[in-house]
């Protein structure tokens, strides 16, 4: 009788050690999922293909008086002929003068891996509503404090 009870108890121990079976699923979350949608536009890449871009704003902007730092993401569809699936643009702007300059552009592949990084050190240029109405509108709304939001 003792051996029967001991055998039953020992058989039950591995079940206790394992606990409830769990299933783990690997998720590839989008690192830009919380970025705010802004607008879509199109351009022609160097291979002549028409590329659609979805522009998004990183909600973590930085402001010091009139100087604003912000980051935009442009997701491309289809992927450009050079393999670029997206680009991240870091900008600095002077909201008092409505001027801006890119500081850095990072080109990404389909897996958000870095293809190339270009750093700029250039003089700010005037934001022109006639040359790029979408960008101007975003900059204007950022400077007024209407974005992110």
N, C-alpha and C. Protein backbone atom coordinates (compact mmCIF):
# COMPACT_ATOMS: atom_id res chain seq x y z
N UNK A 1 0.82 -1.19 0.00
CA UNK A 1 0.00 0.00 0.00
C UNK A 1 0.87 1.26 0.00
N UNK A 2 1.91 1.25 0.83
CA UNK A 2 2.80 2.40 0.91
C UNK A 2 3.45 2.69 -0.44
N UNK A 3 3.92 1.63 -1.10
CA UNK A 3 4.58 1.81 -2.40
C UNK A 3 3.61 2.31 -3.47
N UNK A 4 2.36 1.92 -3.39
CA UNK A 4 1.37 2.38 -4.35
C UNK A 4 1.14 3.88 -4.19
N UNK A 5 1.01 4.31 -2.92
CA UNK A 5 0.81 5.74 -2.66
C UNK A 5 2.04 6.55 -3.06
N UNK A 6 3.22 6.00 -2.77
CA UNK A 6 4.46 6.69 -3.13
C UNK A 6 4.61 6.80 -4.64
N UNK A 7 4.28 5.75 -5.35
CA UNK A 7 4.35 5.77 -6.82
C UNK A 7 3.40 6.81 -7.39
N UNK A 8 2.19 6.87 -6.86
CA UNK A 8 1.21 7.84 -7.34
C UNK A 8 1.69 9.27 -7.06
N UNK A 9 2.25 9.49 -5.88
CA UNK A 9 2.73 10.82 -5.52
C UNK A 9 3.91 11.23 -6.40
N UNK A 10 4.84 10.31 -6.64
CA UNK A 10 5.99 10.61 -7.48
C UNK A 10 5.59 10.87 -8.93
N UNK A 11 4.57 10.20 -9.39
CA UNK A 11 4.09 10.41 -10.75
C UNK A 11 3.46 11.79 -10.89
N UNK A 12 2.90 12.32 -9.82
CA UNK A 12 2.22 13.61 -9.85
C UNK A 12 3.20 14.78 -9.76
N UNK A 13 4.38 14.57 -9.18
CA UNK A 13 5.36 15.65 -8.98
C UNK A 13 5.78 16.32 -10.29
N UNK A 14 6.09 15.61 -11.37
CA UNK A 14 6.46 16.31 -12.61
C UNK A 14 5.36 17.24 -13.12
N UNK A 15 4.11 16.87 -12.89
CA UNK A 15 3.01 17.75 -13.32
C UNK A 15 3.01 19.04 -12.52
N UNK A 16 3.32 18.94 -11.23
CA UNK A 16 3.38 20.14 -10.40
C UNK A 16 4.55 21.03 -10.81
N UNK A 17 5.65 20.42 -11.13
CA UNK A 17 6.84 21.18 -11.50
C UNK A 17 6.64 21.93 -12.81
N UNK A 18 5.91 21.32 -13.73
CA UNK A 18 5.69 21.97 -15.02
C UNK A 18 4.66 23.07 -14.94
N UNK A 19 3.70 22.93 -14.05
CA UNK A 19 2.65 23.92 -13.95
C UNK A 19 1.76 23.90 -15.18
N UNK A 20 1.08 24.99 -15.41
CA UNK A 20 0.19 25.11 -16.56
C UNK A 20 1.01 25.29 -17.82
N UNK A 21 0.72 24.51 -18.84
CA UNK A 21 1.47 24.70 -20.09
C UNK A 21 1.23 26.11 -20.64
N UNK A 22 2.29 26.71 -21.12
CA UNK A 22 2.16 28.05 -21.69
C UNK A 22 2.66 28.03 -23.12
N UNK A 23 2.10 28.93 -23.89
CA UNK A 23 2.49 29.07 -25.28
C UNK A 23 3.05 30.47 -25.45
N UNK A 24 4.28 30.56 -25.89
CA UNK A 24 4.89 31.86 -26.13
C UNK A 24 4.97 32.10 -27.62
N UNK A 25 4.48 33.24 -28.04
CA UNK A 25 4.51 33.61 -29.45
C UNK A 25 5.39 34.84 -29.59
N UNK A 26 6.35 34.73 -30.46
CA UNK A 26 7.23 35.88 -30.71
C UNK A 26 6.45 36.92 -31.49
N UNK A 27 6.53 38.15 -31.03
CA UNK A 27 5.87 39.24 -31.72
C UNK A 27 6.91 40.25 -32.17
N UNK A 28 6.76 40.68 -33.38
CA UNK A 28 7.59 41.76 -33.89
C UNK A 28 6.75 43.01 -33.86
N UNK A 29 6.80 43.73 -32.75
CA UNK A 29 5.99 44.93 -32.65
C UNK A 29 6.62 46.03 -33.50
N UNK A 30 5.78 46.88 -34.00
CA UNK A 30 6.21 47.98 -34.85
C UNK A 30 6.81 49.08 -33.97
N UNK A 31 8.11 49.37 -34.11
CA UNK A 31 8.71 50.41 -33.27
C UNK A 31 8.15 51.80 -33.56
N UNK A 32 7.41 51.93 -34.65
CA UNK A 32 6.82 53.23 -35.00
C UNK A 32 5.30 53.22 -34.85
N UNK A 33 4.78 52.20 -34.20
CA UNK A 33 3.33 52.04 -34.06
C UNK A 33 2.63 53.17 -33.34
N UNK A 34 3.33 53.84 -32.42
CA UNK A 34 2.69 54.93 -31.68
C UNK A 34 2.91 56.30 -32.31
N UNK A 35 3.57 56.32 -33.46
CA UNK A 35 3.80 57.59 -34.15
C UNK A 35 2.49 58.05 -34.80
N UNK A 36 2.26 59.33 -34.80
CA UNK A 36 1.00 59.91 -35.28
C UNK A 36 0.98 60.05 -36.80
N UNK A 37 -0.09 59.50 -37.40
CA UNK A 37 -0.26 59.62 -38.85
C UNK A 37 -0.45 61.09 -39.22
N UNK A 38 0.20 61.53 -40.31
CA UNK A 38 0.09 62.91 -40.78
C UNK A 38 -0.58 63.00 -42.15
N UNK A 39 0.02 62.38 -43.16
CA UNK A 39 -0.51 62.48 -44.52
C UNK A 39 0.19 61.48 -45.42
N UNK A 40 -0.31 61.33 -46.64
CA UNK A 40 0.31 60.51 -47.69
C UNK A 40 0.72 61.41 -48.84
N UNK A 41 1.80 61.04 -49.52
CA UNK A 41 2.17 61.71 -50.77
C UNK A 41 2.86 60.69 -51.67
N UNK A 42 3.24 61.12 -52.85
CA UNK A 42 3.93 60.23 -53.79
C UNK A 42 5.13 60.96 -54.38
N UNK A 43 6.09 60.16 -54.85
CA UNK A 43 7.24 60.71 -55.57
C UNK A 43 7.71 59.64 -56.54
N UNK A 44 8.58 60.04 -57.45
CA UNK A 44 9.15 59.10 -58.41
C UNK A 44 10.59 58.80 -57.99
N UNK A 45 10.90 57.51 -57.79
CA UNK A 45 12.25 57.16 -57.36
C UNK A 45 13.22 57.19 -58.53
N UNK A 46 14.49 56.94 -58.25
CA UNK A 46 15.53 57.03 -59.28
C UNK A 46 15.34 56.02 -60.40
N UNK A 47 14.60 54.95 -60.14
CA UNK A 47 14.31 53.96 -61.17
C UNK A 47 13.07 54.29 -61.98
N UNK A 48 12.42 55.41 -61.66
CA UNK A 48 11.24 55.84 -62.40
C UNK A 48 9.92 55.31 -61.85
N UNK A 49 9.96 54.53 -60.78
CA UNK A 49 8.73 53.98 -60.20
C UNK A 49 8.06 55.02 -59.31
N UNK A 50 6.73 55.03 -59.33
CA UNK A 50 5.99 55.92 -58.45
C UNK A 50 5.87 55.26 -57.08
N UNK A 51 6.29 55.98 -56.06
CA UNK A 51 6.33 55.47 -54.69
C UNK A 51 5.37 56.30 -53.84
N UNK A 52 4.53 55.61 -53.08
CA UNK A 52 3.64 56.27 -52.13
C UNK A 52 4.33 56.30 -50.77
N UNK A 53 4.19 57.40 -50.06
CA UNK A 53 4.77 57.52 -48.72
C UNK A 53 3.70 57.87 -47.71
N UNK A 54 3.74 57.19 -46.58
CA UNK A 54 2.87 57.53 -45.46
C UNK A 54 3.75 58.21 -44.42
N UNK A 55 3.42 59.44 -44.08
CA UNK A 55 4.22 60.22 -43.15
C UNK A 55 3.65 60.15 -41.74
N UNK A 56 4.54 59.95 -40.77
CA UNK A 56 4.15 59.86 -39.36
C UNK A 56 5.09 60.73 -38.52
N UNK A 57 4.57 61.21 -37.40
CA UNK A 57 5.31 62.08 -36.48
C UNK A 57 5.62 61.34 -35.19
N UNK A 58 6.88 61.39 -34.77
CA UNK A 58 7.25 60.88 -33.45
C UNK A 58 6.64 61.82 -32.42
N UNK A 59 5.83 61.30 -31.48
CA UNK A 59 5.19 62.20 -30.51
C UNK A 59 6.18 62.84 -29.53
N UNK A 60 7.41 62.36 -29.48
CA UNK A 60 8.41 62.92 -28.57
C UNK A 60 9.16 64.06 -29.24
N UNK A 61 8.53 65.22 -29.30
CA UNK A 61 9.19 66.41 -29.85
C UNK A 61 9.89 67.16 -28.71
N UNK A 62 10.87 67.99 -29.05
CA UNK A 62 11.59 68.78 -28.06
C UNK A 62 11.52 70.25 -28.45
N UNK A 63 11.22 71.08 -27.46
CA UNK A 63 11.12 72.50 -27.76
C UNK A 63 11.85 73.30 -26.69
N UNK A 64 12.63 74.29 -27.15
CA UNK A 64 13.32 75.22 -26.27
C UNK A 64 13.11 76.61 -26.86
N UNK A 65 12.18 77.36 -26.27
CA UNK A 65 11.75 78.65 -26.81
C UNK A 65 11.24 78.45 -28.23
N UNK A 66 11.86 79.08 -29.22
CA UNK A 66 11.40 78.94 -30.61
C UNK A 66 12.05 77.77 -31.35
N UNK A 67 13.05 77.14 -30.74
CA UNK A 67 13.75 76.04 -31.42
C UNK A 67 13.02 74.72 -31.13
N UNK A 68 12.69 74.04 -32.20
CA UNK A 68 11.92 72.79 -32.13
C UNK A 68 12.71 71.68 -32.81
N UNK A 69 12.76 70.52 -32.16
CA UNK A 69 13.34 69.32 -32.77
C UNK A 69 12.23 68.29 -32.89
N UNK A 70 12.12 67.71 -34.08
CA UNK A 70 11.08 66.72 -34.30
C UNK A 70 11.55 65.69 -35.32
N UNK A 71 10.87 64.55 -35.33
CA UNK A 71 11.25 63.45 -36.20
C UNK A 71 10.04 62.94 -36.96
N UNK A 72 10.23 62.77 -38.27
CA UNK A 72 9.18 62.23 -39.14
C UNK A 72 9.64 60.90 -39.72
N UNK A 73 8.68 60.02 -39.94
CA UNK A 73 8.91 58.74 -40.60
C UNK A 73 8.14 58.74 -41.90
N UNK A 74 8.78 58.32 -42.99
CA UNK A 74 8.11 58.15 -44.28
C UNK A 74 8.21 56.68 -44.67
N UNK A 75 7.08 55.97 -44.59
CA UNK A 75 7.05 54.56 -45.02
C UNK A 75 6.72 54.53 -46.50
N UNK A 76 7.45 53.74 -47.24
CA UNK A 76 7.29 53.71 -48.70
C UNK A 76 6.59 52.44 -49.16
N UNK A 77 5.76 52.60 -50.19
CA UNK A 77 5.08 51.47 -50.79
C UNK A 77 4.90 51.73 -52.27
N UNK A 78 5.46 50.93 -53.14
CA UNK A 78 6.33 49.80 -52.81
C UNK A 78 7.70 50.30 -52.35
N UNK A 79 8.53 49.36 -51.95
CA UNK A 79 9.90 49.69 -51.56
C UNK A 79 10.60 50.33 -52.76
N UNK A 80 11.38 51.38 -52.50
CA UNK A 80 12.11 52.06 -53.58
C UNK A 80 13.06 51.09 -54.28
N UNK A 81 13.44 51.43 -55.49
CA UNK A 81 14.34 50.56 -56.27
C UNK A 81 15.70 50.38 -55.59
N UNK A 82 16.07 51.27 -54.68
CA UNK A 82 17.34 51.12 -53.95
C UNK A 82 17.18 50.31 -52.66
N UNK A 83 15.98 49.75 -52.43
CA UNK A 83 15.75 48.91 -51.25
C UNK A 83 15.23 49.64 -50.03
N UNK A 84 14.99 50.94 -50.15
CA UNK A 84 14.51 51.72 -49.01
C UNK A 84 13.01 51.51 -48.81
N UNK A 85 12.66 51.00 -47.62
CA UNK A 85 11.25 50.79 -47.28
C UNK A 85 10.71 51.94 -46.44
N UNK A 86 11.60 52.68 -45.79
CA UNK A 86 11.20 53.81 -44.95
C UNK A 86 12.41 54.71 -44.74
N UNK A 87 12.12 55.93 -44.30
CA UNK A 87 13.18 56.86 -43.95
C UNK A 87 12.74 57.64 -42.72
N UNK A 88 13.68 57.86 -41.81
CA UNK A 88 13.42 58.63 -40.60
C UNK A 88 14.19 59.94 -40.73
N UNK A 89 13.46 61.05 -40.64
CA UNK A 89 14.03 62.38 -40.82
C UNK A 89 14.04 63.11 -39.48
N UNK A 90 15.22 63.49 -39.02
CA UNK A 90 15.35 64.32 -37.81
C UNK A 90 15.53 65.77 -38.25
N UNK A 91 14.64 66.63 -37.76
CA UNK A 91 14.66 68.05 -38.15
C UNK A 91 14.88 68.95 -36.94
N UNK A 92 15.42 70.13 -37.21
CA UNK A 92 15.46 71.23 -36.27
C UNK A 92 14.77 72.40 -36.97
N UNK A 93 13.98 73.15 -36.20
CA UNK A 93 13.24 74.27 -36.79
C UNK A 93 13.27 75.48 -35.86
N UNK A 94 13.17 76.64 -36.47
CA UNK A 94 13.01 77.90 -35.74
C UNK A 94 11.57 78.34 -35.98
N UNK A 95 10.74 78.16 -34.96
CA UNK A 95 9.31 78.47 -35.12
C UNK A 95 9.05 79.96 -35.25
N UNK A 96 9.92 80.80 -34.71
CA UNK A 96 9.74 82.24 -34.83
C UNK A 96 9.91 82.72 -36.25
N UNK A 97 10.78 82.07 -37.01
CA UNK A 97 11.07 82.47 -38.39
C UNK A 97 10.50 81.50 -39.42
N UNK A 98 9.88 80.41 -38.97
CA UNK A 98 9.37 79.34 -39.85
C UNK A 98 10.47 78.88 -40.80
N UNK A 99 11.59 78.51 -40.19
CA UNK A 99 12.73 77.97 -40.94
C UNK A 99 13.05 76.60 -40.38
N UNK A 100 13.68 75.76 -41.20
CA UNK A 100 13.98 74.40 -40.75
C UNK A 100 15.21 73.87 -41.49
N UNK A 101 15.75 72.79 -40.94
CA UNK A 101 16.86 72.08 -41.60
C UNK A 101 16.84 70.63 -41.14
N UNK A 102 17.15 69.72 -42.06
CA UNK A 102 17.31 68.32 -41.63
C UNK A 102 18.64 68.18 -40.90
N UNK A 103 18.63 67.38 -39.83
CA UNK A 103 19.88 67.09 -39.12
C UNK A 103 20.42 65.72 -39.51
N UNK A 104 19.49 64.77 -39.72
CA UNK A 104 19.91 63.42 -40.06
C UNK A 104 18.76 62.68 -40.74
N UNK A 105 19.11 61.83 -41.69
CA UNK A 105 18.13 60.95 -42.34
C UNK A 105 18.67 59.53 -42.25
N UNK A 106 17.83 58.63 -41.77
CA UNK A 106 18.18 57.21 -41.66
C UNK A 106 17.27 56.43 -42.60
N UNK A 107 17.86 55.70 -43.53
CA UNK A 107 17.10 54.91 -44.49
C UNK A 107 17.00 53.48 -43.98
N UNK A 108 15.79 52.92 -44.02
CA UNK A 108 15.51 51.61 -43.43
C UNK A 108 15.05 50.60 -44.48
N UNK A 109 15.32 49.32 -44.20
CA UNK A 109 14.82 48.24 -45.06
C UNK A 109 13.47 47.75 -44.53
N UNK A 110 12.95 46.67 -45.10
CA UNK A 110 11.64 46.13 -44.71
C UNK A 110 11.56 45.71 -43.25
N UNK A 111 12.69 45.38 -42.65
CA UNK A 111 12.73 44.93 -41.26
C UNK A 111 13.15 46.04 -40.30
N UNK A 112 13.09 47.28 -40.75
CA UNK A 112 13.51 48.45 -39.98
C UNK A 112 15.00 48.43 -39.66
N UNK A 113 15.76 47.68 -40.44
CA UNK A 113 17.22 47.69 -40.31
C UNK A 113 17.78 48.88 -41.07
N UNK A 114 18.86 49.43 -40.57
CA UNK A 114 19.47 50.61 -41.17
C UNK A 114 20.22 50.26 -42.45
N UNK A 115 19.86 50.94 -43.53
CA UNK A 115 20.57 50.80 -44.80
C UNK A 115 21.66 51.85 -44.92
N UNK A 116 21.34 53.08 -44.49
CA UNK A 116 22.28 54.20 -44.64
C UNK A 116 21.85 55.31 -43.69
N UNK A 117 22.80 56.09 -43.24
CA UNK A 117 22.53 57.26 -42.40
C UNK A 117 23.27 58.44 -43.02
N UNK A 118 22.56 59.53 -43.20
CA UNK A 118 23.17 60.75 -43.72
C UNK A 118 22.97 61.86 -42.69
N UNK A 119 24.06 62.49 -42.31
CA UNK A 119 24.02 63.58 -41.34
C UNK A 119 24.27 64.89 -42.08
N UNK A 120 23.50 65.91 -41.71
CA UNK A 120 23.58 67.20 -42.39
C UNK A 120 24.02 68.28 -41.41
N UNK A 121 24.71 69.26 -41.93
CA UNK A 121 25.08 70.45 -41.18
C UNK A 121 24.88 71.61 -42.13
N UNK A 122 23.64 72.04 -42.24
CA UNK A 122 23.34 73.09 -43.21
C UNK A 122 22.51 74.20 -42.57
N UNK A 123 22.52 75.32 -43.23
CA UNK A 123 21.77 76.48 -42.78
C UNK A 123 20.28 76.20 -42.93
N UNK A 124 19.50 76.70 -41.98
CA UNK A 124 18.04 76.53 -42.09
C UNK A 124 17.52 77.27 -43.30
N UNK A 125 16.49 76.68 -43.90
CA UNK A 125 15.83 77.32 -45.04
C UNK A 125 14.40 77.66 -44.67
N UNK A 126 13.83 78.61 -45.40
CA UNK A 126 12.45 79.01 -45.15
C UNK A 126 11.50 77.87 -45.47
N UNK A 127 10.52 77.67 -44.61
CA UNK A 127 9.45 76.72 -44.91
C UNK A 127 8.52 77.39 -45.91
N UNK A 128 8.34 76.78 -47.05
CA UNK A 128 7.57 77.37 -48.15
C UNK A 128 6.26 76.61 -48.33
N UNK A 129 5.13 77.26 -48.03
CA UNK A 129 3.84 76.56 -48.18
C UNK A 129 3.52 76.23 -49.63
N UNK A 130 4.12 76.93 -50.57
CA UNK A 130 3.86 76.66 -51.98
C UNK A 130 4.68 75.48 -52.50
N UNK A 131 5.86 75.29 -51.94
CA UNK A 131 6.73 74.20 -52.40
C UNK A 131 6.32 72.86 -51.82
N UNK A 132 5.93 72.85 -50.55
CA UNK A 132 5.52 71.61 -49.90
C UNK A 132 4.47 71.93 -48.85
N UNK A 133 3.22 71.99 -49.29
CA UNK A 133 2.12 72.39 -48.41
C UNK A 133 1.95 71.43 -47.23
N UNK A 134 2.12 70.13 -47.47
CA UNK A 134 1.95 69.16 -46.38
C UNK A 134 2.99 69.37 -45.28
N UNK A 135 4.26 69.48 -45.66
CA UNK A 135 5.32 69.68 -44.67
C UNK A 135 5.11 71.00 -43.94
N UNK A 136 4.79 72.05 -44.68
CA UNK A 136 4.57 73.36 -44.08
C UNK A 136 3.45 73.29 -43.04
N UNK A 137 2.37 72.62 -43.38
CA UNK A 137 1.23 72.48 -42.47
C UNK A 137 1.65 71.76 -41.18
N UNK A 138 2.44 70.71 -41.31
CA UNK A 138 2.92 69.98 -40.14
C UNK A 138 3.80 70.89 -39.28
N UNK A 139 4.74 71.58 -39.91
CA UNK A 139 5.63 72.48 -39.16
C UNK A 139 4.83 73.58 -38.47
N UNK A 140 3.88 74.16 -39.17
CA UNK A 140 3.04 75.21 -38.61
C UNK A 140 2.27 74.70 -37.38
N UNK A 141 1.68 73.53 -37.50
CA UNK A 141 0.91 72.94 -36.39
C UNK A 141 1.81 72.57 -35.22
N UNK A 142 3.02 72.08 -35.52
CA UNK A 142 3.98 71.79 -34.45
C UNK A 142 4.36 73.07 -33.70
N UNK A 143 4.65 74.12 -34.45
CA UNK A 143 5.05 75.39 -33.85
C UNK A 143 3.93 76.02 -33.02
N UNK A 144 2.70 75.81 -33.42
CA UNK A 144 1.55 76.33 -32.68
C UNK A 144 1.17 75.45 -31.49
N UNK A 145 1.83 74.29 -31.37
CA UNK A 145 1.52 73.37 -30.27
C UNK A 145 0.32 72.49 -30.53
N UNK A 146 -0.16 72.45 -31.77
CA UNK A 146 -1.33 71.63 -32.11
C UNK A 146 -0.95 70.17 -32.36
N UNK A 147 0.32 69.91 -32.58
CA UNK A 147 0.85 68.55 -32.75
C UNK A 147 1.97 68.36 -31.73
N UNK A 148 2.26 67.17 -31.28
CA UNK A 148 1.44 65.97 -31.47
C UNK A 148 0.15 66.09 -30.67
N UNK A 149 -0.78 65.30 -31.07
CA UNK A 149 -2.06 65.36 -30.35
C UNK A 149 -3.16 64.65 -31.01
